């Protein structure tokens, strides 16, 4: 399990068999996404819960690596925290 996935699961008390919903659309999440992602200049030290959100693959593809959606994703995630 990747470090950032473990951080997310531990924070919310999830175990591997749990249903983890996409924070954007509510379907089953496949990925733990870095909101301030490394590919767009984010730091490798961004493995903190405030920067990690569960997303399904379609939402990750649609919103994940586009700077214009970063604020929207952060707002959605902050409501969960």
Foldseek 3Di string as FASTA:
>chain_A
DDPLVVQQCVVVVHDPPDFDAFLPPGHGFDDWAFLQDVVVPDDPPSSHQLRTGTHHPVCCVVQVPDPVCSVVVSVSSVVVD
